[in-house]
Amino acid sequence: MKLTDKEKQDIILLHIETATEICSVSLSKNTELLACKSIHDGNSHARNLIVLIESLISELALPKTAIDGISVSMGPGSYTGLRIGVSTAKGLCYALQRPLIAVSTLDSIAVGAQRQLLLGDDVLYCPMIDARRMEVYTELVDTALQPVQPVQALVVEEGSFEALLSEKKVAFCGNGMPKCRPLLEKYPNALFADAEISAGNMVGIAYQKFIKGEFEDVAYFEPFYLKQYIAKKSHVKGLE
């Protein structure tokens, strides 16, 4: 159910981004970013996420009960990172009795690129999340974040975007972009954004979902992994 204009006033949202090596949290009021904190250490999400959240709330002198909803980066991305972010968001939703909002990781990366490049409407955005070797999790969206090509796992090779770049300007972004750039920068229509993956880029998407009442089932929501997780065989003595 959509909110009335009165109910839309001063909506405070907490945003959690753990889909990549960056652990990031932010707070917003409506579409205004109030504050954001990030740590660049892919192995520390479990240790640092709650600390970041508590620090952010404390610095703004904001009681947890003032938070109207929690948004979480839903993937695709790191299996472990997504599990940590989603489980933390769910725990907060249960404790505070607040709704859960899922934000596409790729869409929020595209938002970061839009803010950095400040281009017109004739540009497409190709956010890329680093996977193994030359593989990336990617999609193609327009400036309104409407899909042009669906989310997919793509092995980037010579000529992968040649046909597209012969017709359209495309802004490549995300932590999977640097390894693909040598294959793409020869095309005049290829643009590049190195904007950091951040919970601060989730604000607008999450706010629109909140006012439209597009919430997830806290009990059953699962991250969007895109590819099935395959556990590696342990090499620790006694665990083989």
C-alpha atoms as a PDB file:
ATOM      1  CA  MET A   1       0.000   0.000   0.000  1.00  0.00           C
ATOM      2  CA  LYS A   2       1.364   3.430  -0.951  1.00  0.00           C
ATOM      3  CA  LEU A   3       1.896   6.026   1.749  1.00  0.00           C
ATOM      4  CA  THR A   4       0.029   9.311   1.962  1.00  0.00           C
ATOM      5  CA  ASP A   5       1.940  12.597   1.586  1.00  0.00           C
ATOM      6  CA  LYS A   6       1.881  13.022   5.361  1.00  0.00           C
ATOM      7  CA  GLU A   7       3.305   9.563   5.928  1.00  0.00           C
ATOM      8  CA  LYS A   8       6.142  10.290   3.481  1.00  0.00           C
ATOM      9  CA  GLN A   9       7.587  13.050   5.652  1.00  0.00           C
ATOM     10  CA  ASP A  10      10.933  12.486   7.364  1.00  0.00           C
ATOM     11  CA  ILE A  11      11.371   8.817   6.535  1.00  0.00           C
ATOM     12  CA  ILE A  12      14.612   7.559   8.097  1.00  0.00           C
ATOM     13  CA  LEU A  13      16.184   4.534   6.418  1.00  0.00           C
ATOM     14  CA  LEU A  14      19.271   2.504   7.285  1.00  0.00           C
ATOM     15  CA  HIS A  15      21.160   1.066   4.316  1.00  0.00           C
ATOM     16  CA  ILE A  16      23.554  -1.908   4.365  1.00  0.00           C
ATOM     17  CA  GLU A  17      25.993  -2.773   1.563  1.00  0.00           C
ATOM     18  CA  THR A  18      28.153  -5.893   1.944  1.00  0.00           C
ATOM     19  CA  ALA A  19      27.972  -7.492  -1.508  1.00  0.00           C
ATOM     20  CA  THR A  20      31.626  -6.843  -2.347  1.00  0.00           C
ATOM     21  CA  GLU A  21      34.925  -6.257  -0.542  1.00  0.00           C
ATOM     22  CA  ILE A  22      33.532  -2.982   0.820  1.00  0.00           C
ATOM     23  CA  CYS A  23      31.470  -2.985   4.010  1.00  0.00           C
ATOM     24  CA  SER A  24      29.325   0.151   3.967  1.00  0.00           C
ATOM     25  CA  VAL A  25      26.352   1.559   5.883  1.00  0.00           C
ATOM     26  CA  SER A  26      24.433   4.799   5.559  1.00  0.00           C
ATOM     27  CA  LEU A  27      21.453   6.645   6.979  1.00  0.00           C
ATOM     28  CA  SER A  28      19.060   8.822   5.016  1.00  0.00           C
ATOM     29  CA  LYS A  29      16.068  11.067   5.533  1.00  0.00           C
ATOM     30  CA  ASN A  30      13.776  10.791   2.541  1.00  0.00           C
ATOM     31  CA  THR A  31      16.198  11.151  -0.414  1.00  0.00           C
ATOM     32  CA  GLU A  32      18.852  13.018   1.583  1.00  0.00           C
ATOM     33  CA  LEU A  33      21.985  11.146   2.622  1.00  0.00           C
ATOM     34  CA  LEU A  34      22.650  11.972   6.272  1.00  0.00           C
ATOM     35  CA  ALA A  35      25.869  10.026   6.792  1.00  0.00           C
ATOM     36  CA  CYS A  36      27.842   7.092   5.416  1.00  0.00           C
ATOM     37  CA  LYS A  37      30.666   4.899   6.709  1.00  0.00           C
ATOM     38  CA  SER A  38      32.715   2.330   4.815  1.00  0.00           C
ATOM     39  CA  ILE A  39      35.545  -0.106   5.466  1.00  0.00           C
ATOM     40  CA  HIS A  40      37.636  -1.560   2.635  1.00  0.00           C
ATOM     41  CA  ASP A  41      38.481  -5.022   3.888  1.00  0.00           C
ATOM     42  CA  GLY A  42      36.722  -7.962   2.272  1.00  0.00           C
ATOM     43  CA  ASN A  43      37.390 -10.295   5.194  1.00  0.00           C
ATOM     44  CA  SER A  44      35.965  -8.090   7.935  1.00  0.00           C
ATOM     45  CA  HIS A  45      32.246  -7.735   7.258  1.00  0.00           C
ATOM     46  CA  ALA A  46      31.157 -10.001  10.110  1.00  0.00           C
ATOM     47  CA  ARG A  47      33.421  -8.160  12.533  1.00  0.00           C
ATOM     48  CA  ASN A  48      32.750  -4.600  11.416  1.00  0.00           C
ATOM     49  CA  LEU A  49      29.168  -4.327  10.182  1.00  0.00           C
ATOM     50  CA  ILE A  50      27.419  -3.940  13.539  1.00  0.00           C
ATOM     51  CA  VAL A  51      30.210  -1.645  14.752  1.00  0.00           C
ATOM     52  CA  LEU A  52      29.680   0.621  11.727  1.00  0.00           C
ATOM     53  CA  ILE A  53      25.923   0.705  12.264  1.00  0.00           C
ATOM     54  CA  GLU A  54      26.228   1.519  15.963  1.00  0.00           C
ATOM     55  CA  SER A  55      28.830   4.196  15.264  1.00  0.00           C
ATOM     56  CA  LEU A  56      26.708   5.844  12.581  1.00  0.00           C
ATOM     57  CA  ILE A  57      23.598   5.912  14.763  1.00  0.00           C
ATOM     58  CA  SER A  58      25.568   7.214  17.736  1.00  0.00           C
ATOM     59  CA  GLU A  59      27.222  10.034  15.783  1.00  0.00           C
ATOM     60  CA  LEU A  60      23.843  11.264  14.570  1.00  0.00           C
ATOM     61  CA  ALA A  61      22.374  10.912  18.079  1.00  0.00           C
ATOM     62  CA  LEU A  62      19.577   8.943  16.529  1.00  0.00           C
ATOM     63  CA  PRO A  63      17.563   6.415  18.542  1.00  0.00           C
ATOM     64  CA  LYS A  64      17.133   3.086  16.752  1.00  0.00           C
ATOM     65  CA  THR A  65      13.369   3.489  17.073  1.00  0.00           C
ATOM     66  CA  ALA A  66      13.582   6.497  14.726  1.00  0.00           C
ATOM     67  CA  ILE A  67      14.566   4.188  11.871  1.00  0.00           C
ATOM     68  CA  ASP A  68      11.534   3.514   9.658  1.00  0.00           C
ATOM     69  CA  GLY A  69      13.031   0.743   7.524  1.00  0.00           C
ATOM     70  CA  ILE A  70      16.192  -1.138   6.623  1.00  0.00           C
ATOM     71  CA  SER A  71      17.452  -1.600   3.089  1.00  0.00           C
ATOM     72  CA  VAL A  72      20.045  -4.187   2.153  1.00  0.00           C
ATOM     73  CA  SER A  73      22.092  -4.784  -0.968  1.00  0.00           C
ATOM     74  CA  MET A  74      20.546  -8.002  -2.293  1.00  0.00           C
ATOM     75  CA  GLY A  75      23.203  -9.061  -4.794  1.00  0.00           C
ATOM     76  CA  PRO A  76      24.596 -10.405  -6.925  1.00  0.00           C
ATOM     77  CA  GLY A  77      27.963 -10.442  -5.241  1.00  0.00           C
ATOM     78  CA  SER A  78      30.019 -12.254  -2.646  1.00  0.00           C
ATOM     79  CA  TYR A  79      28.151 -15.199  -1.133  1.00  0.00           C
ATOM     80  CA  THR A  80      29.579 -14.614   2.340  1.00  0.00           C
ATOM     81  CA  GLY A  81      29.177 -10.845   2.188  1.00  0.00           C
ATOM     82  CA  LEU A  82      25.560 -11.084   1.089  1.00  0.00           C
ATOM     83  CA  ARG A  83      24.739 -13.579   3.843  1.00  0.00           C
ATOM     84  CA  ILE A  84      26.226 -11.288   6.479  1.00  0.00           C
ATOM     85  CA  GLY A  85      24.409  -8.204   5.216  1.00  0.00           C
ATOM     86  CA  VAL A  86      21.032  -9.871   4.803  1.00  0.00           C
ATOM     87  CA  SER A  87      21.143 -11.710   8.133  1.00  0.00           C
ATOM     88  CA  THR A  88      22.069  -8.469   9.930  1.00  0.00           C
ATOM     89  CA  ALA A  89      19.287  -6.564   8.182  1.00  0.00           C
ATOM     90  CA  LYS A  90      16.784  -9.269   9.050  1.00  0.00           C
ATOM     91  CA  GLY A  91      17.838  -9.231  12.690  1.00  0.00           C
ATOM     92  CA  LEU A  92      17.334  -5.476  12.879  1.00  0.00           C
ATOM     93  CA  CYS A  93      13.961  -5.729  11.165  1.00  0.00           C
ATOM     94  CA  TYR A  94      12.817  -8.351  13.671  1.00  0.00           C
ATOM     95  CA  ALA A  95      14.120  -6.381  16.654  1.00  0.00           C
ATOM     96  CA  LEU A  96      12.690  -3.028  15.569  1.00  0.00           C
ATOM     97  CA  GLN A  97       9.595  -4.411  13.811  1.00  0.00           C
ATOM     98  CA  ARG A  98      10.504  -2.507  10.650  1.00  0.00           C
ATOM     99  CA  PRO A  99      10.156  -3.424   6.967  1.00  0.00           C
ATOM    100  CA  LEU A 100      12.965  -4.878   4.854  1.00  0.00           C
ATOM    101  CA  ILE A 101      13.802  -3.343   1.479  1.00  0.00           C
ATOM    102  CA  ALA A 102      15.955  -5.148  -1.105  1.00  0.00           C
ATOM    103  CA  VAL A 103      18.134  -3.059  -3.429  1.00  0.00           C
ATOM    104  CA  SER A 104      19.898  -4.507  -6.451  1.00  0.00           C
ATOM    105  CA  THR A 105      23.649  -4.222  -5.977  1.00  0.00           C
ATOM    106  CA  LEU A 106      24.137  -3.584  -9.678  1.00  0.00           C
ATOM    107  CA  ASP A 107      21.509  -0.829  -9.754  1.00  0.00           C
ATOM    108  CA  SER A 108      23.127   1.000  -6.849  1.00  0.00           C
ATOM    109  CA  ILE A 109      26.522   0.768  -8.593  1.00  0.00           C
ATOM    110  CA  ALA A 110      24.937   2.370 -11.665  1.00  0.00           C
ATOM    111  CA  VAL A 111      23.594   5.181  -9.465  1.00  0.00           C
ATOM    112  CA  GLY A 112      27.123   5.850  -8.209  1.00  0.00           C
ATOM    113  CA  ALA A 113      28.368   6.091 -11.796  1.00  0.00           C
ATOM    114  CA  GLN A 114      25.552   8.466 -12.740  1.00  0.00           C
ATOM    115  CA  ARG A 115      26.465  10.779  -9.879  1.00  0.00           C
ATOM    116  CA  GLN A 116      30.122  10.786 -10.832  1.00  0.00           C
ATOM    117  CA  LEU A 117      29.819  11.213 -14.592  1.00  0.00           C
ATOM    118  CA  LEU A 118      26.755  13.521 -14.788  1.00  0.00           C
ATOM    119  CA  LEU A 119      25.930  12.461 -18.344  1.00  0.00           C
ATOM    120  CA  GLY A 120      22.786  12.866 -20.430  1.00  0.00           C
ATOM    121  CA  ASP A 121      19.972  10.424 -21.119  1.00  0.00           C
ATOM    122  CA  ASP A 122      21.600   8.910 -24.209  1.00  0.00           C
ATOM    123  CA  VAL A 123      24.021   6.807 -22.136  1.00  0.00           C
ATOM    124  CA  LEU A 124      23.591   3.232 -20.931  1.00  0.00           C
ATOM    125  CA  TYR A 125      25.187   1.948 -17.736  1.00  0.00           C
ATOM    126  CA  CYS A 126      26.954  -1.378 -17.355  1.00  0.00           C
ATOM    127  CA  PRO A 127      27.761  -2.071 -13.683  1.00  0.00           C
ATOM    128  CA  MET A 128      30.180  -4.962 -13.180  1.00  0.00           C
ATOM    129  CA  ILE A 129      30.875  -6.981 -10.051  1.00  0.00           C
ATOM    130  CA  ASP A 130      34.149  -8.900 -10.095  1.00  0.00           C
ATOM    131  CA  ALA A 131      33.825 -12.678 -10.274  1.00  0.00           C
ATOM    132  CA  ARG A 132      36.515 -15.214 -11.100  1.00  0.00           C
ATOM    133  CA  ARG A 133      39.132 -14.515 -13.785  1.00  0.00           C
ATOM    134  CA  MET A 134      37.488 -12.470 -16.579  1.00  0.00           C
ATOM    135  CA  GLU A 135      33.961 -13.174 -15.400  1.00  0.00           C
ATOM    136  CA  VAL A 136      31.703 -10.425 -14.074  1.00  0.00           C
ATOM    137  CA  TYR A 137      28.152 -10.198 -12.778  1.00  0.00           C
ATOM    138  CA  THR A 138      26.600  -7.493 -14.889  1.00  0.00           C
ATOM    139  CA  GLU A 139      23.536  -5.912 -16.432  1.00  0.00           C
ATOM    140  CA  LEU A 140      22.756  -3.071 -18.803  1.00  0.00           C
ATOM    141  CA  VAL A 141      20.378  -0.296 -17.709  1.00  0.00           C
ATOM    142  CA  ASP A 142      19.300   3.120 -18.928  1.00  0.00           C
ATOM    143  CA  THR A 143      19.435   6.318 -16.892  1.00  0.00           C
ATOM    144  CA  ALA A 144      16.136   5.419 -15.189  1.00  0.00           C
ATOM    145  CA  LEU A 145      17.631   2.038 -14.171  1.00  0.00           C
ATOM    146  CA  GLN A 146      15.275   0.261 -16.529  1.00  0.00           C
ATOM    147  CA  PRO A 147      16.821  -2.997 -17.811  1.00  0.00           C
ATOM    148  CA  VAL A 148      18.161  -3.091 -21.353  1.00  0.00           C
ATOM    149  CA  GLN A 149      19.897  -6.422 -20.829  1.00  0.00           C
ATOM    150  CA  PRO A 150      19.122  -8.660 -17.836  1.00  0.00           C
ATOM    151  CA  VAL A 151      21.479  -9.561 -15.018  1.00  0.00           C
ATOM    152  CA  GLN A 152      23.927 -12.248 -16.105  1.00  0.00           C
ATOM    153  CA  ALA A 153      27.288 -13.816 -15.385  1.00  0.00           C
ATOM    154  CA  LEU A 154      29.456 -12.839 -18.335  1.00  0.00           C
ATOM    155  CA  VAL A 155      32.988 -13.807 -19.317  1.00  0.00           C
ATOM    156  CA  VAL A 156      34.322 -10.643 -20.955  1.00  0.00           C
ATOM    157  CA  GLU A 157      36.354 -11.303 -24.074  1.00  0.00           C
ATOM    158  CA  GLU A 158      37.709  -9.322 -26.994  1.00  0.00           C
ATOM    159  CA  GLY A 159      34.685  -7.927 -28.828  1.00  0.00           C
ATOM    160  CA  SER A 160      32.123  -8.730 -26.098  1.00  0.00           C
ATOM    161  CA  PHE A 161      30.593  -5.237 -26.319  1.00  0.00           C
ATOM    162  CA  GLU A 162      31.681  -4.298 -29.839  1.00  0.00           C
ATOM    163  CA  ALA A 163      28.216  -4.260 -31.438  1.00  0.00           C
ATOM    164  CA  LEU A 164      26.700  -2.306 -28.575  1.00  0.00           C
ATOM    165  CA  LEU A 165      29.507   0.257 -28.429  1.00  0.00           C
ATOM    166  CA  SER A 166      29.262   0.869 -32.169  1.00  0.00           C
ATOM    167  CA  GLU A 167      25.802   2.348 -31.571  1.00  0.00           C
ATOM    168  CA  LYS A 168      25.596   3.622 -27.980  1.00  0.00           C
ATOM    169  CA  LYS A 169      27.676   5.271 -25.308  1.00  0.00           C
ATOM    170  CA  VAL A 170      28.081   2.893 -22.373  1.00  0.00           C
ATOM    171  CA  ALA A 171      29.426   3.780 -18.934  1.00  0.00           C
ATOM    172  CA  PHE A 172      31.201   0.813 -17.335  1.00  0.00           C
ATOM    173  CA  CYS A 173      31.502   0.828 -13.554  1.00  0.00           C
ATOM    174  CA  GLY A 174      31.887  -1.345 -10.469  1.00  0.00           C
ATOM    175  CA  ASN A 175      34.800  -3.338  -9.060  1.00  0.00           C
ATOM    176  CA  GLY A 176      34.765  -5.648 -12.096  1.00  0.00           C
ATOM    177  CA  MET A 177      35.360  -2.763 -14.493  1.00  0.00           C
ATOM    178  CA  PRO A 178      39.153  -2.284 -14.071  1.00  0.00           C
ATOM    179  CA  LYS A 179      40.055  -5.765 -15.297  1.00  0.00           C
ATOM    180  CA  CYS A 180      37.798  -5.328 -18.342  1.00  0.00           C
ATOM    181  CA  ARG A 181      38.922  -1.809 -19.188  1.00  0.00           C
ATOM    182  CA  PRO A 182      41.927  -2.819 -21.345  1.00  0.00           C
ATOM    183  CA  LEU A 183      39.517  -4.635 -23.680  1.00  0.00           C
ATOM    184  CA  LEU A 184      37.006  -1.768 -23.780  1.00  0.00           C
ATOM    185  CA  GLU A 185      38.891   1.528 -23.798  1.00  0.00           C
ATOM    186  CA  LYS A 186      39.707   1.308 -27.498  1.00  0.00           C
ATOM    187  CA  TYR A 187      36.047   2.067 -28.261  1.00  0.00           C
ATOM    188  CA  PRO A 188      35.210   5.805 -28.421  1.00  0.00           C
ATOM    189  CA  ASN A 189      31.757   5.177 -26.914  1.00  0.00           C
ATOM    190  CA  ALA A 190      33.150   3.398 -23.858  1.00  0.00           C
ATOM    191  CA  LEU A 191      33.102   5.515 -20.702  1.00  0.00           C
ATOM    192  CA  PHE A 192      34.396   4.569 -17.274  1.00  0.00           C
ATOM    193  CA  ALA A 193      33.427   5.495 -13.733  1.00  0.00           C
ATOM    194  CA  ASP A 194      35.468   4.530 -10.694  1.00  0.00           C
ATOM    195  CA  ALA A 195      32.868   5.622  -8.129  1.00  0.00           C
ATOM    196  CA  GLU A 196      33.161   3.579  -4.943  1.00  0.00           C
ATOM    197  CA  ILE A 197      30.557   0.923  -4.196  1.00  0.00           C
ATOM    198  CA  SER A 198      28.688   2.468  -1.276  1.00  0.00           C
ATOM    199  CA  ALA A 199      25.532   2.226   0.811  1.00  0.00           C
ATOM    200  CA  GLY A 200      25.148   5.916   0.054  1.00  0.00           C
ATOM    201  CA  ASN A 201      24.079   5.014  -3.474  1.00  0.00           C
ATOM    202  CA  MET A 202      21.134   2.951  -2.210  1.00  0.00           C
ATOM    203  CA  VAL A 203      19.189   5.916  -0.818  1.00  0.00           C
ATOM    204  CA  GLY A 204      17.021   6.913  -3.778  1.00  0.00           C
ATOM    205  CA  ILE A 205      16.111   3.374  -4.795  1.00  0.00           C
ATOM    206  CA  ALA A 206      15.251   2.356  -1.229  1.00  0.00           C
ATOM    207  CA  TYR A 207      13.167   5.470  -0.607  1.00  0.00           C
ATOM    208  CA  GLN A 208      11.055   4.895  -3.712  1.00  0.00           C
ATOM    209  CA  LYS A 209      10.473   1.290  -2.706  1.00  0.00           C
ATOM    210  CA  PHE A 210       9.533   2.369   0.814  1.00  0.00           C
ATOM    211  CA  ILE A 211       6.878   4.864  -0.248  1.00  0.00           C
ATOM    212  CA  LYS A 212       5.443   2.306  -2.673  1.00  0.00           C
ATOM    213  CA  GLY A 213       5.343  -0.337   0.049  1.00  0.00           C
ATOM    214  CA  GLU A 214       7.633  -2.705  -1.869  1.00  0.00           C
ATOM    215  CA  PHE A 215       8.868  -4.698   1.121  1.00  0.00           C
ATOM    216  CA  GLU A 216      10.361  -8.184   1.429  1.00  0.00           C
ATOM    217  CA  ASP A 217       9.168 -11.044   3.603  1.00  0.00           C
ATOM    218  CA  VAL A 218      11.672 -10.891   6.455  1.00  0.00           C
ATOM    219  CA  ALA A 219      11.297 -14.588   7.236  1.00  0.00           C
ATOM    220  CA  TYR A 220      11.831 -15.912   3.728  1.00  0.00           C
ATOM    221  CA  PHE A 221      13.899 -13.347   1.846  1.00  0.00           C
ATOM    222  CA  GLU A 222      17.181 -14.659   0.429  1.00  0.00           C
ATOM    223  CA  PRO A 223      19.975 -12.794  -1.371  1.00  0.00           C
ATOM    224  CA  PHE A 224      20.235 -12.972  -5.153  1.00  0.00           C
ATOM    225  CA  TYR A 225      23.402 -15.004  -5.638  1.00  0.00           C
ATOM    226  CA  LEU A 226      23.012 -15.408  -9.429  1.00  0.00           C
ATOM    227  CA  LYS A 227      25.236 -18.500  -9.339  1.00  0.00           C
ATOM    228  CA  GLN A 228      25.011 -21.418  -6.939  1.00  0.00           C
ATOM    229  CA  TYR A 229      27.560 -21.355  -4.145  1.00  0.00           C
ATOM    230  CA  ILE A 230      29.977 -24.288  -4.205  1.00  0.00           C
ATOM    231  CA  ALA A 231      31.897 -24.829  -0.976  1.00  0.00           C
ATOM    232  CA  LYS A 232      35.587 -25.584  -1.383  1.00  0.00           C
ATOM    233  CA  LYS A 233      37.012 -28.706   0.187  1.00  0.00           C
ATOM    234  CA  SER A 234      38.752 -27.925   3.447  1.00  0.00           C
ATOM    235  CA  HIS A 235      42.464 -28.506   3.664  1.00  0.00           C
ATOM    236  CA  VAL A 236      42.544 -28.197   7.439  1.00  0.00           C
ATOM    237  CA  LYS A 237      43.708 -31.410   9.079  1.00  0.00           C
ATOM    238  CA  GLY A 238      40.755 -33.300  10.497  1.00  0.00           C
ATOM    239  CA  LEU A 239      38.170 -31.516   8.330  1.00  0.00           C
ATOM    240  CA  GLU A 240      38.802 -33.244   5.001  1.00  0.00           C
END
